[in-house]
């Protein structure tokens, strides 16, 4: 399991089995496919490059690090169904090249997923 951190290094979400889970790990709020991530939208929102999460415009929206705090919780069937719902609605799973910047987005990671 991995943590997604905001600019202030606060945990805002988790990645487990390519599912992006909310902070309480009780709801699927997005998916990771390859290096691309998706939310409730049907297309790519951004990419993960070198442990950073970028929007398509190149702005940083988060960083990723291994979660060494606890053992990974067991996945519940409901989470798998939520993930399948997001996956089955994805219409476009590719994106253009992203020119990365060092600028942090004014939007939050959770905001862009929902």
PDB file of N, CA and C in Angstrom:
ATOM      1  N   UNK A   1       0.847  -1.174   0.000  1.00  0.00           N
ATOM      2  CA  UNK A   1       0.000   0.000   0.000  1.00  0.00           C
ATOM      3  C   UNK A   1       0.889   1.233   0.000  1.00  0.00           C
ATOM      4  N   UNK A   2       0.398   2.260  -0.690  1.00  0.00           N
ATOM      5  CA  UNK A   2       1.118   3.521  -0.783  1.00  0.00           C
ATOM      6  C   UNK A   2       0.240   4.661  -0.284  1.00  0.00           C
ATOM      7  N   UNK A   3       0.899   5.706   0.220  1.00  0.00           N
ATOM      8  CA  UNK A   3       0.200   6.906   0.658  1.00  0.00           C
ATOM      9  C   UNK A   3       0.362   7.972  -0.414  1.00  0.00           C
ATOM     10  N   UNK A   4      -0.694   8.749  -0.599  1.00  0.00           N
ATOM     11  CA  UNK A   4      -0.618   9.925  -1.446  1.00  0.00           C
ATOM     12  C   UNK A   4      -0.626  11.125  -0.506  1.00  0.00           C
ATOM     13  N   UNK A   5       0.397  11.956  -0.642  1.00  0.00           N
ATOM     14  CA  UNK A   5       0.574  13.105   0.245  1.00  0.00           C
ATOM     15  C   UNK A   5       0.351  14.400  -0.505  1.00  0.00           C
ATOM     16  N   UNK A   6      -0.173  15.388   0.206  1.00  0.00           N
ATOM     17  CA  UNK A   6      -0.352  16.711  -0.402  1.00  0.00           C
ATOM     18  C   UNK A   6       0.930  17.530  -0.232  1.00  0.00           C
ATOM     19  N   UNK A   7       0.885  18.792  -0.586  1.00  0.00           N
ATOM     20  CA  UNK A   7       2.057  19.658  -0.531  1.00  0.00           C
ATOM     21  C   UNK A   7       2.589  19.820   0.893  1.00  0.00           C
ATOM     22  N   UNK A   8       1.711  19.687   1.872  1.00  0.00           N
ATOM     23  CA  UNK A   8       2.118  19.818   3.275  1.00  0.00           C
ATOM     24  C   UNK A   8       2.537  18.478   3.873  1.00  0.00           C
ATOM     25  N   UNK A   9       2.691  17.454   3.043  1.00  0.00           N
ATOM     26  CA  UNK A   9       3.073  16.091   3.440  1.00  0.00           C
ATOM     27  C   UNK A   9       2.033  15.406   4.314  1.00  0.00           C
ATOM     28  N   UNK A  10       0.770  15.795   4.161  1.00  0.00           N
ATOM     29  CA  UNK A  10      -0.333  15.147   4.870  1.00  0.00           C
ATOM     30  C   UNK A  10      -0.909  14.058   3.971  1.00  0.00           C
ATOM     31  N   UNK A  11      -1.240  12.913   4.556  1.00  0.00           N
ATOM     32  CA  UNK A  11      -1.838  11.828   3.788  1.00  0.00           C
ATOM     33  C   UNK A  11      -3.256  12.204   3.399  1.00  0.00           C
ATOM     34  N   UNK A  12      -3.553  12.132   2.096  1.00  0.00           N
ATOM     35  CA  UNK A  12      -4.891  12.482   1.612  1.00  0.00           C
ATOM     36  C   UNK A  12      -5.619  11.278   1.022  1.00  0.00           C
ATOM     37  N   UNK A  13      -4.861  10.219   0.663  1.00  0.00           N
ATOM     38  CA  UNK A  13      -5.469   9.022   0.073  1.00  0.00           C
ATOM     39  C   UNK A  13      -4.434   7.897   0.100  1.00  0.00           C
ATOM     40  N   UNK A  14      -4.888   6.713  -0.291  1.00  0.00           N
ATOM     41  CA  UNK A  14      -4.013   5.539  -0.349  1.00  0.00           C
ATOM     42  C   UNK A  14      -4.186   4.840  -1.686  1.00  0.00           C
ATOM     43  N   UNK A  15      -3.165   4.119  -2.107  1.00  0.00           N
ATOM     44  CA  UNK A  15      -3.267   3.252  -3.277  1.00  0.00           C
ATOM     45  C   UNK A  15      -3.049   1.826  -2.795  1.00  0.00           C
ATOM     46  N   UNK A  16      -4.032   0.974  -3.049  1.00  0.00           N
ATOM     47  CA  UNK A  16      -3.926  -0.445  -2.714  1.00  0.00           C
ATOM     48  C   UNK A  16      -4.493  -1.241  -3.881  1.00  0.00           C
ATOM     49  N   UNK A  17      -3.704  -2.146  -4.418  1.00  0.00           N
ATOM     50  CA  UNK A  17      -4.121  -2.969  -5.558  1.00  0.00           C
ATOM     51  C   UNK A  17      -4.661  -2.098  -6.691  1.00  0.00           C
ATOM     52  N   UNK A  18      -3.970  -1.001  -6.972  1.00  0.00           N
ATOM     53  CA  UNK A  18      -4.275  -0.072  -8.057  1.00  0.00           C
ATOM     54  C   UNK A  18      -5.581   0.698  -7.850  1.00  0.00           C
ATOM     55  N   UNK A  19      -6.167   0.588  -6.693  1.00  0.00           N
ATOM     56  CA  UNK A  19      -7.354   1.371  -6.348  1.00  0.00           C
ATOM     57  C   UNK A  19      -6.913   2.548  -5.490  1.00  0.00           C
ATOM     58  N   UNK A  20      -7.448   3.721  -5.765  1.00  0.00           N
ATOM     59  CA  UNK A  20      -7.191   4.892  -4.934  1.00  0.00           C
ATOM     60  C   UNK A  20      -8.310   4.943  -3.904  1.00  0.00           C
ATOM     61  N   UNK A  21      -7.929   4.818  -2.639  1.00  0.00           N
ATOM     62  CA  UNK A  21      -8.901   4.791  -1.549  1.00  0.00           C
ATOM     63  C   UNK A  21      -8.873   6.118  -0.799  1.00  0.00           C
ATOM     64  N   UNK A  22     -10.040   6.496  -0.257  1.00  0.00           N
ATOM     65  CA  UNK A  22     -10.079   7.723   0.531  1.00  0.00           C
ATOM     66  C   UNK A  22      -9.238   7.555   1.797  1.00  0.00           C
ATOM     67  N   UNK A  23      -9.092   8.624   2.538  1.00  0.00           N
ATOM     68  CA  UNK A  23      -8.218   8.639   3.711  1.00  0.00           C
ATOM     69  C   UNK A  23      -8.606   7.580   4.756  1.00  0.00           C
ATOM     70  N   UNK A  24      -9.896   7.301   4.865  1.00  0.00           N
ATOM     71  CA  UNK A  24     -10.357   6.294   5.831  1.00  0.00           C
ATOM     72  C   UNK A  24     -10.305   4.877   5.263  1.00  0.00           C
ATOM     73  N   UNK A  25      -9.938   4.760   3.993  1.00  0.00           N
ATOM     74  CA  UNK A  25      -9.833   3.480   3.283  1.00  0.00           C
ATOM     75  C   UNK A  25     -11.159   2.723   3.230  1.00  0.00           C
ATOM     76  N   UNK A  26     -12.252   3.488   3.103  1.00  0.00           N
ATOM     77  CA  UNK A  26     -13.576   2.865   3.094  1.00  0.00           C
ATOM     78  C   UNK A  26     -14.310   3.063   1.772  1.00  0.00           C
ATOM     79  N   UNK A  27     -13.695   3.819   0.839  1.00  0.00           N
ATOM     80  CA  UNK A  27     -14.350   4.113  -0.436  1.00  0.00           C
ATOM     81  C   UNK A  27     -13.294   4.237  -1.532  1.00  0.00           C
ATOM     82  N   UNK A  28     -13.605   3.693  -2.709  1.00  0.00           N
ATOM     83  CA  UNK A  28     -12.727   3.830  -3.865  1.00  0.00           C
ATOM     84  C   UNK A  28     -13.053   5.160  -4.542  1.00  0.00           C
ATOM     85  N   UNK A  29     -12.037   6.010  -4.696  1.00  0.00           N
ATOM     86  CA  UNK A  29     -12.252   7.322  -5.298  1.00  0.00           C
ATOM     87  C   UNK A  29     -11.524   7.458  -6.636  1.00  0.00           C
ATOM     88  N   UNK A  30     -10.800   6.415  -7.015  1.00  0.00           N
ATOM     89  CA  UNK A  30     -10.099   6.457  -8.289  1.00  0.00           C
ATOM     90  C   UNK A  30      -9.355   5.158  -8.547  1.00  0.00           C
ATOM     91  N   UNK A  31      -8.716   5.096  -9.705  1.00  0.00           N
ATOM     92  CA  UNK A  31      -7.948   3.928 -10.117  1.00  0.00           C
ATOM     93  C   UNK A  31      -6.628   4.362 -10.732  1.00  0.00           C
ATOM     94  N   UNK A  32      -5.652   3.482 -10.659  1.00  0.00           N
ATOM     95  CA  UNK A  32      -4.381   3.671 -11.347  1.00  0.00           C
ATOM     96  C   UNK A  32      -4.273   2.562 -12.389  1.00  0.00           C
ATOM     97  N   UNK A  33      -4.069   2.955 -13.641  1.00  0.00           N
ATOM     98  CA  UNK A  33      -3.862   1.988 -14.714  1.00  0.00           C
ATOM     99  C   UNK A  33      -2.561   2.385 -15.396  1.00  0.00           C
ATOM    100  N   UNK A  34      -1.560   1.531 -15.287  1.00  0.00           N
ATOM    101  CA  UNK A  34      -0.228   1.885 -15.787  1.00  0.00           C
ATOM    102  C   UNK A  34       0.292   3.040 -14.959  1.00  0.00           C
ATOM    103  N   UNK A  35       0.640   4.129 -15.615  1.00  0.00           N
ATOM    104  CA  UNK A  35       1.086   5.316 -14.886  1.00  0.00           C
ATOM    105  C   UNK A  35       0.014   6.403 -14.851  1.00  0.00           C
ATOM    106  N   UNK A  36      -1.176   6.103 -15.375  1.00  0.00           N
ATOM    107  CA  UNK A  36      -2.284   7.069 -15.419  1.00  0.00           C
ATOM    108  C   UNK A  36      -3.235   6.866 -14.252  1.00  0.00           C
ATOM    109  N   UNK A  37      -3.846   7.947 -13.798  1.00  0.00           N
ATOM    110  CA  UNK A  37      -4.867   7.797 -12.762  1.00  0.00           C
ATOM    111  C   UNK A  37      -6.175   8.415 -13.214  1.00  0.00           C
ATOM    112  N   UNK A  38      -7.246   7.832 -12.689  1.00  0.00           N
ATOM    113  CA  UNK A  38      -8.614   8.165 -13.068  1.00  0.00           C
ATOM    114  C   UNK A  38      -9.428   8.389 -11.808  1.00  0.00           C
ATOM    115  N   UNK A  39     -10.476   9.213 -11.932  1.00  0.00           N
ATOM    116  CA  UNK A  39     -11.426   9.415 -10.850  1.00  0.00           C
ATOM    117  C   UNK A  39     -12.809   9.091 -11.360  1.00  0.00           C
ATOM    118  N   UNK A  40     -13.775   9.922 -11.023  1.00  0.00           N
ATOM    119  CA  UNK A  40     -15.149   9.703 -11.482  1.00  0.00           C
ATOM    120  C   UNK A  40     -15.340  10.065 -12.950  1.00  0.00           C
ATOM    121  N   UNK A  41     -14.364  10.749 -13.528  1.00  0.00           N
ATOM    122  CA  UNK A  41     -14.445  11.111 -14.935  1.00  0.00           C
ATOM    123  C   UNK A  41     -14.121   9.878 -15.784  1.00  0.00           C
ATOM    124  N   UNK A  42     -14.450   9.934 -17.059  1.00  0.00           N
ATOM    125  CA  UNK A  42     -14.246   8.771 -17.927  1.00  0.00           C
ATOM    126  C   UNK A  42     -12.933   8.843 -18.699  1.00  0.00           C
ATOM    127  N   UNK A  43     -12.049   9.770 -18.302  1.00  0.00           N
ATOM    128  CA  UNK A  43     -10.775   9.904 -19.005  1.00  0.00           C
ATOM    129  C   UNK A  43      -9.638  10.129 -18.000  1.00  0.00           C
ATOM    130  N   UNK A  44      -8.421  10.103 -18.523  1.00  0.00           N
ATOM    131  CA  UNK A  44      -7.223  10.280 -17.696  1.00  0.00           C
ATOM    132  C   UNK A  44      -7.233  11.654 -17.040  1.00  0.00           C
ATOM    133  N   UNK A  45      -6.903  11.679 -15.745  1.00  0.00           N
ATOM    134  CA  UNK A  45      -6.793  12.942 -15.011  1.00  0.00           C
ATOM    135  C   UNK A  45      -5.338  13.369 -14.927  1.00  0.00           C
ATOM    136  N   UNK A  46      -4.446  12.402 -14.807  1.00  0.00           N
ATOM    137  CA  UNK A  46      -3.032  12.719 -14.688  1.00  0.00           C
ATOM    138  C   UNK A  46      -2.188  11.465 -14.698  1.00  0.00           C
ATOM    139  N   UNK A  47      -0.903  11.644 -14.383  1.00  0.00           N
ATOM    140  CA  UNK A  47       0.037  10.530 -14.394  1.00  0.00           C
ATOM    141  C   UNK A  47       0.915  10.551 -13.153  1.00  0.00           C
ATOM    142  N   UNK A  48       1.433   9.377 -12.843  1.00  0.00           N
ATOM    143  CA  UNK A  48       2.389   9.225 -11.752  1.00  0.00           C
ATOM    144  C   UNK A  48       3.760   9.036 -12.396  1.00  0.00           C
ATOM    145  N   UNK A  49       4.676   9.949 -12.087  1.00  0.00           N
ATOM    146  CA  UNK A  49       6.027   9.916 -12.647  1.00  0.00           C
ATOM    147  C   UNK A  49       7.013  10.176 -11.513  1.00  0.00           C
ATOM    148  N   UNK A  50       7.946   9.249 -11.317  1.00  0.00           N
ATOM    149  CA  UNK A  50       8.996   9.409 -10.295  1.00  0.00           C
ATOM    150  C   UNK A  50       8.435   9.775  -8.920  1.00  0.00           C
ATOM    151  N   UNK A  51       7.453   9.027  -8.468  1.00  0.00           N
ATOM    152  CA  UNK A  51       6.850   9.186  -7.133  1.00  0.00           C
ATOM    153  C   UNK A  51       6.113  10.503  -6.939  1.00  0.00           C
ATOM    154  N   UNK A  52       5.796  11.183  -8.033  1.00  0.00           N
ATOM    155  CA  UNK A  52       4.979  12.400  -7.970  1.00  0.00           C
ATOM    156  C   UNK A  52       3.734  12.189  -8.819  1.00  0.00           C
ATOM    157  N   UNK A  53       2.644  12.823  -8.391  1.00  0.00           N
ATOM    158  CA  UNK A  53       1.374  12.738  -9.104  1.00  0.00           C
ATOM    159  C   UNK A  53       1.165  14.070  -9.818  1.00  0.00           C
ATOM    160  N   UNK A  54       1.053  14.002 -11.155  1.00  0.00           N
ATOM    161  CA  UNK A  54       0.918  15.198 -11.975  1.00  0.00           C
ATOM    162  C   UNK A  54      -0.438  15.239 -12.661  1.00  0.00           C
ATOM    163  N   UNK A  55      -0.986  16.423 -12.783  1.00  0.00           N
ATOM    164  CA  UNK A  55      -2.156  16.634 -13.628  1.00  0.00           C
ATOM    165  C   UNK A  55      -1.683  16.697 -15.073  1.00  0.00           C
ATOM    166  N   UNK A  56      -2.601  16.636 -16.009  1.00  0.00           N
ATOM    167  CA  UNK A  56      -2.246  16.681 -17.424  1.00  0.00           C
ATOM    168  C   UNK A  56      -1.544  17.979 -17.824  1.00  0.00           C
ATOM    169  N   UNK A  57      -1.780  19.052 -17.055  1.00  0.00           N
ATOM    170  CA  UNK A  57      -1.117  20.327 -17.352  1.00  0.00           C
ATOM    171  C   UNK A  57       0.305  20.394 -16.787  1.00  0.00           C
ATOM    172  N   UNK A  58       0.754  19.318 -16.133  1.00  0.00           N
ATOM    173  CA  UNK A  58       2.114  19.250 -15.603  1.00  0.00           C
ATOM    174  C   UNK A  58       2.267  19.684 -14.166  1.00  0.00           C
ATOM    175  N   UNK A  59       1.197  20.209 -13.562  1.00  0.00           N
ATOM    176  CA  UNK A  59       1.283  20.635 -12.168  1.00  0.00           C
ATOM    177  C   UNK A  59       1.274  19.430 -11.226  1.00  0.00           C
ATOM    178  N   UNK A  60       2.006  19.549 -10.135  1.00  0.00           N
ATOM    179  CA  UNK A  60       2.055  18.494  -9.124  1.00  0.00           C
ATOM    180  C   UNK A  60       0.792  18.565  -8.282  1.00  0.00           C
ATOM    181  N   UNK A  61       0.202  17.401  -8.034  1.00  0.00           N
ATOM    182  CA  UNK A  61      -1.014  17.329  -7.220  1.00  0.00           C
ATOM    183  C   UNK A  61      -0.781  16.461  -5.981  1.00  0.00           C
ATOM    184  N   UNK A  62       0.350  15.766  -5.928  1.00  0.00           N
ATOM    185  CA  UNK A  62       0.659  14.923  -4.778  1.00  0.00           C
ATOM    186  C   UNK A  62       1.978  14.199  -4.957  1.00  0.00           C
ATOM    187  N   UNK A  63       2.420  13.568  -3.889  1.00  0.00           N
ATOM    188  CA  UNK A  63       3.588  12.705  -3.935  1.00  0.00           C
ATOM    189  C   UNK A  63       3.185  11.346  -3.382  1.00  0.00           C
ATOM    190  N   UNK A  64       3.952  10.337  -3.718  1.00  0.00           N
ATOM    191  CA  UNK A  64       3.633   8.972  -3.292  1.00  0.00           C
ATOM    192  C   UNK A  64       4.801   8.409  -2.499  1.00  0.00           C
ATOM    193  N   UNK A  65       4.457   7.721  -1.412  1.00  0.00           N
ATOM    194  CA  UNK A  65       5.481   7.007  -0.659  1.00  0.00           C
ATOM    195  C   UNK A  65       4.877   5.726  -0.087  1.00  0.00           C
ATOM    196  N   UNK A  66       5.739   4.771   0.169  1.00  0.00           N
ATOM    197  CA  UNK A  66       5.280   3.497   0.731  1.00  0.00           C
ATOM    198  C   UNK A  66       4.683   3.740   2.112  1.00  0.00           C
ATOM    199  N   UNK A  67       3.595   3.042   2.421  1.00  0.00           N
ATOM    200  CA  UNK A  67       2.960   3.145   3.734  1.00  0.00           C
ATOM    201  C   UNK A  67       3.582   2.094   4.642  1.00  0.00           C
ATOM    202  N   UNK A  68       4.435   2.524   5.524  1.00  0.00           N
ATOM    203  CA  UNK A  68       5.105   1.605   6.439  1.00  0.00           C
ATOM    204  C   UNK A  68       4.455   1.606   7.818  1.00  0.00           C
ATOM    205  N   UNK A  69       3.344   2.332   7.937  1.00  0.00           N
ATOM    206  CA  UNK A  69       2.681   2.483   9.232  1.00  0.00           C
ATOM    207  C   UNK A  69       2.012   1.203   9.710  1.00  0.00           C
ATOM    208  N   UNK A  70       1.294   0.551   8.829  1.00  0.00           N
ATOM    209  CA  UNK A  70       0.464  -0.587   9.225  1.00  0.00           C
ATOM    210  C   UNK A  70       0.506  -1.669   8.160  1.00  0.00           C
ATOM    211  N   UNK A  71       0.021  -2.826   8.539  1.00  0.00           N
ATOM    212  CA  UNK A  71      -0.169  -3.896   7.570  1.00  0.00           C
ATOM    213  C   UNK A  71      -1.361  -3.522   6.688  1.00  0.00           C
ATOM    214  N   UNK A  72      -1.278  -3.877   5.405  1.00  0.00           N
ATOM    215  CA  UNK A  72      -2.367  -3.573   4.490  1.00  0.00           C
ATOM    216  C   UNK A  72      -3.658  -4.236   4.953  1.00  0.00           C
ATOM    217  N   UNK A  73      -4.754  -3.466   5.012  1.00  0.00           N
ATOM    218  CA  UNK A  73      -6.032  -4.083   5.405  1.00  0.00           C
ATOM    219  C   UNK A  73      -6.538  -5.003   4.300  1.00  0.00           C
ATOM    220  N   UNK A  74      -7.325  -5.966   4.679  1.00  0.00           N
ATOM    221  CA  UNK A  74      -7.916  -6.872   3.702  1.00  0.00           C
ATOM    222  C   UNK A  74      -8.964  -6.118   2.895  1.00  0.00           C
ATOM    223  N   UNK A  75      -8.958  -6.345   1.601  1.00  0.00           N
ATOM    224  CA  UNK A  75      -9.923  -5.665   0.736  1.00  0.00           C
ATOM    225  C   UNK A  75     -11.307  -6.266   0.900  1.00  0.00           C
ATOM    226  N   UNK A  76     -12.287  -5.400   0.936  1.00  0.00           N
ATOM    227  CA  UNK A  76     -13.676  -5.838   1.039  1.00  0.00           C
ATOM    228  C   UNK A  76     -14.282  -5.922  -0.353  1.00  0.00           C
ATOM    229  N   UNK A  77     -15.240  -6.802  -0.508  1.00  0.00           N
ATOM    230  CA  UNK A  77     -15.890  -7.014  -1.803  1.00  0.00           C
ATOM    231  C   UNK A  77     -16.508  -5.714  -2.323  1.00  0.00           C
ATOM    232  N   UNK A  78     -17.065  -4.915  -1.439  1.00  0.00           N
ATOM    233  CA  UNK A  78     -17.685  -3.652  -1.838  1.00  0.00           C
ATOM    234  C   UNK A  78     -16.704  -2.722  -2.526  1.00  0.00           C
ATOM    235  N   UNK A  79     -15.450  -2.711  -2.059  1.00  0.00           N
ATOM    236  CA  UNK A  79     -14.443  -1.868  -2.688  1.00  0.00           C
ATOM    237  C   UNK A  79     -14.134  -2.353  -4.102  1.00  0.00           C
ATOM    238  N   UNK A  80     -14.090  -3.662  -4.277  1.00  0.00           N
ATOM    239  CA  UNK A  80     -13.837  -4.216  -5.608  1.00  0.00           C
ATOM    240  C   UNK A  80     -14.971  -3.838  -6.569  1.00  0.00           C
ATOM    241  N   UNK A  81     -16.204  -3.842  -6.073  1.00  0.00           N
ATOM    242  CA  UNK A  81     -17.348  -3.459  -6.908  1.00  0.00           C
ATOM    243  C   UNK A  81     -17.294  -1.978  -7.277  1.00  0.00           C
ATOM    244  N   UNK A  82     -16.886  -1.143  -6.325  1.00  0.00           N
ATOM    245  CA  UNK A  82     -16.740   0.284  -6.612  1.00  0.00           C
ATOM    246  C   UNK A  82     -15.660   0.508  -7.676  1.00  0.00           C
ATOM    247  N   UNK A  83     -14.550  -0.218  -7.550  1.00  0.00           N
ATOM    248  CA  UNK A  83     -13.465  -0.101  -8.521  1.00  0.00           C
ATOM    249  C   UNK A  83     -13.931  -0.546  -9.907  1.00  0.00           C
ATOM    250  N   UNK A  84     -14.689  -1.639  -9.945  1.00  0.00           N
ATOM    251  CA  UNK A  84     -15.190  -2.128 -11.227  1.00  0.00           C
ATOM    252  C   UNK A  84     -16.121  -1.110 -11.880  1.00  0.00           C
ATOM    253  N   UNK A  85     -16.919  -0.434 -11.080  1.00  0.00           N
ATOM    254  CA  UNK A  85     -17.832   0.582 -11.598  1.00  0.00           C
ATOM    255  C   UNK A  85     -17.047   1.711 -12.269  1.00  0.00           C
ATOM    256  N   UNK A  86     -15.972   2.157 -11.630  1.00  0.00           N
ATOM    257  CA  UNK A  86     -15.137   3.211 -12.222  1.00  0.00           C
ATOM    258  C   UNK A  86     -14.482   2.684 -13.498  1.00  0.00           C
ATOM    259  N   UNK A  87     -13.908   1.490 -13.419  1.00  0.00           N
ATOM    260  CA  UNK A  87     -13.203   0.912 -14.564  1.00  0.00           C
ATOM    261  C   UNK A  87     -14.115   0.726 -15.772  1.00  0.00           C
ATOM    262  N   UNK A  88     -15.307   0.267 -15.531  1.00  0.00           N
ATOM    263  CA  UNK A  88     -16.211  -0.009 -16.651  1.00  0.00           C
ATOM    264  C   UNK A  88     -16.719   1.265 -17.337  1.00  0.00           C
ATOM    265  N   UNK A  89     -16.562   2.415 -16.686  1.00  0.00           N
ATOM    266  CA  UNK A  89     -16.998   3.680 -17.284  1.00  0.00           C
ATOM    267  C   UNK A  89     -15.885   4.458 -17.977  1.00  0.00           C
ATOM    268  N   UNK A  90     -14.646   3.988 -17.880  1.00  0.00           N
ATOM    269  CA  UNK A  90     -13.525   4.676 -18.522  1.00  0.00           C
ATOM    270  C   UNK A  90     -13.648   4.521 -20.032  1.00  0.00           C
ATOM    271  N   UNK A  91     -13.659   5.636 -20.709  1.00  0.00           N
ATOM    272  CA  UNK A  91     -13.799   5.653 -22.169  1.00  0.00           C
ATOM    273  C   UNK A  91     -12.470   5.937 -22.863  1.00  0.00           C
ATOM    274  N   UNK A  92     -11.620   6.715 -22.239  1.00  0.00           N
ATOM    275  CA  UNK A  92     -10.337   7.072 -22.827  1.00  0.00           C
ATOM    276  C   UNK A  92      -9.245   6.780 -21.808  1.00  0.00           C
ATOM    277  N   UNK A  93      -8.345   5.862 -22.147  1.00  0.00           N
ATOM    278  CA  UNK A  93      -7.338   5.459 -21.165  1.00  0.00           C
ATOM    279  C   UNK A  93      -5.919   5.844 -21.582  1.00  0.00           C
ATOM    280  N   UNK A  94      -5.799   6.754 -22.517  1.00  0.00           N
ATOM    281  CA  UNK A  94      -4.488   7.249 -22.907  1.00  0.00           C
ATOM    282  C   UNK A  94      -4.467   8.766 -22.783  1.00  0.00           C
ATOM    283  N   UNK A  95      -3.270   9.314 -22.720  1.00  0.00           N
ATOM    284  CA  UNK A  95      -3.160  10.777 -22.669  1.00  0.00           C
ATOM    285  C   UNK A  95      -1.941  11.213 -23.457  1.00  0.00           C
ATOM    286  N   UNK A  96      -1.923  12.477 -23.779  1.00  0.00           N
ATOM    287  CA  UNK A  96      -0.776  13.050 -24.462  1.00  0.00           C
ATOM    288  C   UNK A  96       0.402  13.135 -23.498  1.00  0.00           C
ATOM    289  N   UNK A  97       1.551  13.457 -24.061  1.00  0.00           N
ATOM    290  CA  UNK A  97       2.751  13.648 -23.265  1.00  0.00           C
ATOM    291  C   UNK A  97       2.530  14.777 -22.262  1.00  0.00           C
ATOM    292  N   UNK A  98       2.999  14.601 -21.040  1.00  0.00           N
ATOM    293  CA  UNK A  98       2.888  15.641 -20.016  1.00  0.00           C
ATOM    294  C   UNK A  98       4.250  16.299 -19.847  1.00  0.00           C
ATOM    295  N   UNK A  99       4.273  17.602 -19.927  1.00  0.00           N
ATOM    296  CA  UNK A  99       5.484  18.358 -19.628  1.00  0.00           C
ATOM    297  C   UNK A  99       5.416  18.730 -18.155  1.00  0.00           C
ATOM    298  N   UNK A 100       6.224  18.043 -17.350  1.00  0.00           N
ATOM    299  CA  UNK A 100       6.136  18.244 -15.905  1.00  0.00           C
ATOM    300  C   UNK A 100       6.751  19.579 -15.492  1.00  0.00           C
ATOM    301  N   UNK A 101       6.200  20.116 -14.412  1.00  0.00           N
ATOM    302  CA  UNK A 101       6.686  21.375 -13.844  1.00  0.00           C
ATOM    303  C   UNK A 101       7.004  21.131 -12.376  1.00  0.00           C
ATOM    304  N   UNK A 102       7.500  22.149 -11.723  1.00  0.00           N
ATOM    305  CA  UNK A 102       7.745  22.074 -10.284  1.00  0.00           C
ATOM    306  C   UNK A 102       6.650  22.799  -9.510  1.00  0.00           C
ATOM    307  N   UNK A 103       5.636  23.260 -10.237  1.00  0.00           N
ATOM    308  CA  UNK A 103       4.545  24.031  -9.649  1.00  0.00           C
ATOM    309  C   UNK A 103       3.483  23.090  -9.077  1.00  0.00           C
ATOM    310  N   UNK A 104       3.039  23.403  -7.872  1.00  0.00           N
ATOM    311  CA  UNK A 104       1.951  22.654  -7.250  1.00  0.00           C
ATOM    312  C   UNK A 104       0.612  23.226  -7.701  1.00  0.00           C
ATOM    313  N   UNK A 105      -0.326  22.356  -7.943  1.00  0.00           N
ATOM    314  CA  UNK A 105      -1.661  22.763  -8.345  1.00  0.00           C
ATOM    315  C   UNK A 105      -2.378  23.449  -7.187  1.00  0.00           C
ATOM    316  N   UNK A 106      -3.255  24.384  -7.509  1.00  0.00           N
ATOM    317  CA  UNK A 106      -4.087  25.007  -6.479  1.00  0.00           C
ATOM    318  C   UNK A 106      -5.240  24.098  -6.094  1.00  0.00           C
ATOM    319  N   UNK A 107      -5.541  23.104  -6.941  1.00  0.00           N
ATOM    320  CA  UNK A 107      -6.602  22.136  -6.643  1.00  0.00           C
ATOM    321  C   UNK A 107      -6.045  21.032  -5.763  1.00  0.00           C
ATOM    322  N   UNK A 108      -6.901  20.427  -4.948  1.00  0.00           N
ATOM    323  CA  UNK A 108      -6.480  19.310  -4.122  1.00  0.00           C
ATOM    324  C   UNK A 108      -6.617  18.003  -4.893  1.00  0.00           C
ATOM    325  N   UNK A 109      -5.902  16.987  -4.465  1.00  0.00           N
ATOM    326  CA  UNK A 109      -5.957  15.674  -5.107  1.00  0.00           C
ATOM    327  C   UNK A 109      -7.386  15.135  -5.089  1.00  0.00           C
ATOM    328  N   UNK A 110      -8.046  15.223  -3.950  1.00  0.00           N
ATOM    329  CA  UNK A 110      -9.411  14.714  -3.814  1.00  0.00           C
ATOM    330  C   UNK A 110     -10.361  15.477  -4.738  1.00  0.00           C
ATOM    331  N   UNK A 111     -10.174  16.767  -4.839  1.00  0.00           N
ATOM    332  CA  UNK A 111     -11.014  17.622  -5.678  1.00  0.00           C
ATOM    333  C   UNK A 111     -10.979  17.187  -7.138  1.00  0.00           C
ATOM    334  N   UNK A 112      -9.813  16.836  -7.657  1.00  0.00           N
ATOM    335  CA  UNK A 112      -9.715  16.461  -9.065  1.00  0.00           C
ATOM    336  C   UNK A 112     -10.292  15.063  -9.340  1.00  0.00           C
ATOM    337  N   UNK A 113     -10.342  14.217  -8.325  1.00  0.00           N
ATOM    338  CA  UNK A 113     -10.905  12.874  -8.505  1.00  0.00           C
ATOM    339  C   UNK A 113     -12.416  12.880  -8.508  1.00  0.00           C
ATOM    340  N   UNK A 114     -13.018  13.772  -7.736  1.00  0.00           N
ATOM    341  CA  UNK A 114     -14.466  13.787  -7.593  1.00  0.00           C
ATOM    342  C   UNK A 114     -15.087  14.737  -8.526  1.00  0.00           C
TER     343      UNK A 114
END
